[in-house]
């Protein structure tokens, strides 16, 4: 099938995919995530290390007004109080997000923790009301070099997993079907699926090189 038959792939996106070396359905399926964000469990600020991505749930406190440092640079801050600790949240050049936050309300927050003098801070975190479900599951991250948004790439590959069919080079009753391996690699439910899916695809790649 043509890549333009997939959801979200128009001529401009097609050109961007080509720059990533993706020209057909097989090369798209073989464009595996470079990493995965695990949003299946809540993180612990007291044990989170510097540079670690964490999922936090808690009450938003100390929400500040938008501050303008100079032309082209503005920010606002807040704190999130979790069960056992607090973290400072800082958003730079995102004034439109300020109206989506409410002090005293509970949120789910995702981002990379930086620690200085024992204090945790997250710059430009993703967030949603605690009852939301967007920040959840295992989220694949692709090496798109900034050409294609991650959310768009995930939608394209998820559609490809459902629509594209490729013939395996290595077949055995002991091996999982190739289409399941691609599904586990691109749209995993848990870390176990990532592991067994990519292991099956690695065997397929090794066979192709023989």
Protein backbone atom coordinates (compact mmCIF):
# COMPACT_ATOMS: atom_id res chain seq x y z
CA UNK A 1 0.00 0.00 0.00
CA UNK A 2 1.02 3.62 -0.50
CA UNK A 3 2.11 5.64 2.52
CA UNK A 4 -0.39 8.33 1.55
CA UNK A 5 -3.16 5.83 2.37
CA UNK A 6 -2.20 6.08 6.04
CA UNK A 7 -3.87 8.57 8.36
CA UNK A 8 -1.99 11.85 8.57
CA UNK A 9 0.26 11.29 5.55
CA UNK A 10 -0.14 13.99 2.92
CA UNK A 11 2.43 15.13 0.39
CA UNK A 12 4.34 17.31 2.86
CA UNK A 13 4.54 14.53 5.45
CA UNK A 14 5.53 12.11 2.71
CA UNK A 15 8.52 14.31 1.89
CA UNK A 16 9.51 14.48 5.54
CA UNK A 17 9.29 10.70 5.87
CA UNK A 18 11.56 10.36 2.84
CA UNK A 19 14.18 12.51 4.59
CA UNK A 20 14.11 9.94 7.40
CA UNK A 21 14.70 7.13 4.93
CA UNK A 22 11.07 6.00 4.99
CA UNK A 23 9.80 5.39 1.45
CA UNK A 24 7.46 2.41 1.77
CA UNK A 25 5.43 0.46 4.30
CA UNK A 26 8.26 -1.89 5.30
CA UNK A 27 10.73 0.91 5.97
CA UNK A 28 8.06 2.65 8.05
CA UNK A 29 7.41 -0.44 10.14
CA UNK A 30 11.15 -0.97 10.56
CA UNK A 31 11.60 2.62 11.78
CA UNK A 32 11.42 1.52 15.41
CA UNK A 33 11.22 3.85 18.40
CA UNK A 34 14.56 5.01 19.78
CA UNK A 35 13.17 4.84 23.32
CA UNK A 36 9.97 4.56 25.34
CA UNK A 37 8.45 6.68 28.08
CA UNK A 38 6.95 4.57 30.83
CA UNK A 39 3.84 6.33 32.12
CA UNK A 40 2.35 3.19 33.66
CA UNK A 41 3.31 4.03 37.23
CA UNK A 42 3.69 7.08 39.43
CA UNK A 43 7.21 8.22 40.22
CA UNK A 44 8.67 9.00 43.63
CA UNK A 45 10.36 12.39 43.96
CA UNK A 46 12.27 11.30 47.02
CA UNK A 47 14.14 8.64 45.04
CA UNK A 48 14.05 10.11 41.51
CA UNK A 49 17.51 10.89 40.19
CA UNK A 50 18.68 13.97 38.33
CA UNK A 51 17.76 13.66 34.65
CA UNK A 52 15.12 10.98 35.22
CA UNK A 53 11.68 11.27 33.62
CA UNK A 54 8.87 10.87 36.15
CA UNK A 55 5.09 10.81 36.28
CA UNK A 56 3.70 12.76 39.23
CA UNK A 57 0.23 13.16 40.66
CA UNK A 58 -0.62 15.85 43.15
CA UNK A 59 -2.10 19.23 43.98
CA UNK A 60 -0.92 22.31 42.13
CA UNK A 61 0.17 25.06 44.53
CA UNK A 62 1.80 28.49 44.30
CA UNK A 63 0.81 29.21 40.71
CA UNK A 64 2.47 32.50 39.71
CA UNK A 65 1.54 35.11 37.16
CA UNK A 66 3.32 35.30 33.82
CA UNK A 67 6.64 37.10 34.14
CA UNK A 68 8.41 38.71 31.21
CA UNK A 69 12.20 38.74 31.50
CA UNK A 70 12.89 40.40 28.17
CA UNK A 71 11.58 40.37 24.62
CA UNK A 72 11.06 36.78 23.57
CA UNK A 73 11.45 35.33 27.06
CA UNK A 74 8.66 34.83 29.58
CA UNK A 75 7.83 32.20 32.18
CA UNK A 76 5.53 31.21 35.00
CA UNK A 77 5.96 28.79 37.89
CA UNK A 78 3.96 26.46 40.07
CA UNK A 79 4.58 23.71 42.58
CA UNK A 80 3.07 20.26 42.69
CA UNK A 81 2.66 18.60 46.08
CA UNK A 82 2.79 14.80 45.86
CA UNK A 83 2.34 12.30 48.67
CA UNK A 84 5.90 12.57 49.91
CA UNK A 85 7.52 15.63 48.32
CA UNK A 86 7.08 18.76 46.21
CA UNK A 87 8.56 19.83 42.89
CA UNK A 88 8.83 23.21 41.26
CA UNK A 89 7.35 23.40 37.76
CA UNK A 90 8.52 26.06 35.29
CA UNK A 91 7.09 26.82 31.86
CA UNK A 92 9.10 29.02 29.50
CA UNK A 93 7.54 30.84 26.55
CA UNK A 94 4.21 29.07 26.95
CA UNK A 95 1.82 31.79 28.20
CA UNK A 96 -1.15 30.02 26.59
CA UNK A 97 -0.76 27.15 29.06
CA UNK A 98 -1.17 29.43 32.09
CA UNK A 99 -4.94 29.66 31.57
CA UNK A 100 -5.21 25.85 31.60
CA UNK A 101 -3.90 25.54 35.14
CA UNK A 102 -5.76 26.17 38.37
CA UNK A 103 -4.21 26.46 41.80
CA UNK A 104 -5.60 23.91 44.25
CA UNK A 105 -6.57 21.42 41.56
CA UNK A 106 -4.99 17.99 41.19
CA UNK A 107 -2.95 17.21 38.07
CA UNK A 108 -0.86 14.51 36.48
CA UNK A 109 2.52 15.87 35.40
CA UNK A 110 5.24 14.33 33.23
CA UNK A 111 8.77 15.59 32.71
CA UNK A 112 12.49 15.35 33.38
CA UNK A 113 13.57 16.06 36.93
CA UNK A 114 16.54 18.26 37.67
CA UNK A 115 17.82 18.37 41.23
CA UNK A 116 19.84 21.14 42.80
CA UNK A 117 20.53 21.40 46.51
CA UNK A 118 18.02 18.63 47.07
CA UNK A 119 15.18 20.53 45.36
CA UNK A 120 13.36 18.96 42.41
CA UNK A 121 12.42 21.03 39.38
CA UNK A 122 10.80 20.15 36.06
CA UNK A 123 11.06 22.48 33.06
CA UNK A 124 8.13 22.66 30.62
CA UNK A 125 6.37 19.53 31.89
CA UNK A 126 3.40 17.96 30.17
CA UNK A 127 0.26 17.99 32.29
CA UNK A 128 -3.43 17.16 32.45
CA UNK A 129 -6.13 17.00 35.13
CA UNK A 130 -5.59 13.93 37.29
CA UNK A 131 -8.73 12.29 35.92
CA UNK A 132 -7.36 12.46 32.35
CA UNK A 133 -5.86 9.53 30.49
CA UNK A 134 -3.52 11.14 27.95
CA UNK A 135 -0.42 10.78 30.14
CA UNK A 136 -0.57 7.03 30.51
CA UNK A 137 0.81 3.78 29.12
CA UNK A 138 4.05 3.09 27.28
CA UNK A 139 4.79 5.96 24.88
CA UNK A 140 7.18 5.34 21.95
CA UNK A 141 9.66 8.09 21.05
CA UNK A 142 10.98 8.24 17.48
CA UNK A 143 14.17 9.76 16.06
CA UNK A 144 12.32 12.14 13.75
CA UNK A 145 15.04 14.85 13.94
CA UNK A 146 12.29 17.39 14.54
CA UNK A 147 10.79 16.86 11.08
CA UNK A 148 7.59 15.24 12.33
CA UNK A 149 5.86 15.73 15.67
CA UNK A 150 6.00 12.70 17.95
CA UNK A 151 2.20 12.53 18.25
CA UNK A 152 1.87 12.53 14.46
CA UNK A 153 4.52 9.85 14.05
CA UNK A 154 2.80 7.66 16.60
CA UNK A 155 -0.51 7.96 14.78
CA UNK A 156 1.09 7.12 11.43
CA UNK A 157 2.91 4.05 12.71
CA UNK A 158 -0.11 2.83 14.68
CA UNK A 159 -2.20 3.02 11.50
CA UNK A 160 0.55 1.24 9.56
CA UNK A 161 0.60 -1.59 12.11
CA UNK A 162 -3.10 -2.16 11.51
CA UNK A 163 -3.09 -1.82 7.71
CA UNK A 164 0.31 -2.98 6.41
CA UNK A 165 1.22 -6.60 5.93
CA UNK A 166 4.73 -7.87 5.20
CA UNK A 167 5.96 -11.40 4.55
CA UNK A 168 8.37 -12.73 7.18
CA UNK A 169 11.76 -14.07 6.15
CA UNK A 170 11.90 -16.32 9.19
CA UNK A 171 8.90 -18.53 9.89
CA UNK A 172 8.41 -21.04 12.67
CA UNK A 173 5.62 -22.25 14.91
CA UNK A 174 7.82 -21.16 17.82
CA UNK A 175 7.96 -17.54 16.64
CA UNK A 176 5.28 -14.93 17.11
CA UNK A 177 3.68 -13.57 13.92
CA UNK A 178 5.59 -10.66 12.44
CA UNK A 179 2.57 -8.35 12.53
CA UNK A 180 2.27 -8.94 16.29
CA UNK A 181 5.96 -8.12 16.73
CA UNK A 182 5.50 -4.79 14.95
CA UNK A 183 2.42 -4.05 17.06
CA UNK A 184 4.31 -4.77 20.28
CA UNK A 185 7.21 -2.57 19.18
CA UNK A 186 5.12 0.41 18.03
CA UNK A 187 1.98 0.21 20.18
CA UNK A 188 2.99 -1.65 23.35
CA UNK A 189 0.82 -2.10 26.38
CA UNK A 190 3.69 -2.84 28.72
CA UNK A 191 7.47 -3.27 28.79
CA UNK A 192 7.19 -7.01 28.27
CA UNK A 193 5.58 -6.47 24.88
CA UNK A 194 8.38 -4.09 23.90
CA UNK A 195 10.99 -6.70 24.79
CA UNK A 196 9.47 -9.71 23.04
CA UNK A 197 8.35 -7.69 20.01
CA UNK A 198 11.77 -6.17 19.38
CA UNK A 199 13.48 -9.50 20.00
CA UNK A 200 11.36 -11.08 17.27
CA UNK A 201 12.16 -8.20 14.90
CA UNK A 202 15.86 -8.53 15.68
CA UNK A 203 15.73 -12.17 14.54
CA UNK A 204 14.04 -11.05 11.32
CA UNK A 205 16.75 -8.43 10.74
CA UNK A 206 19.49 -10.95 11.40
CA UNK A 207 17.93 -13.37 8.89
CA UNK A 208 17.83 -10.61 6.24
CA UNK A 209 21.59 -10.09 6.64
CA UNK A 210 22.47 -13.77 6.15
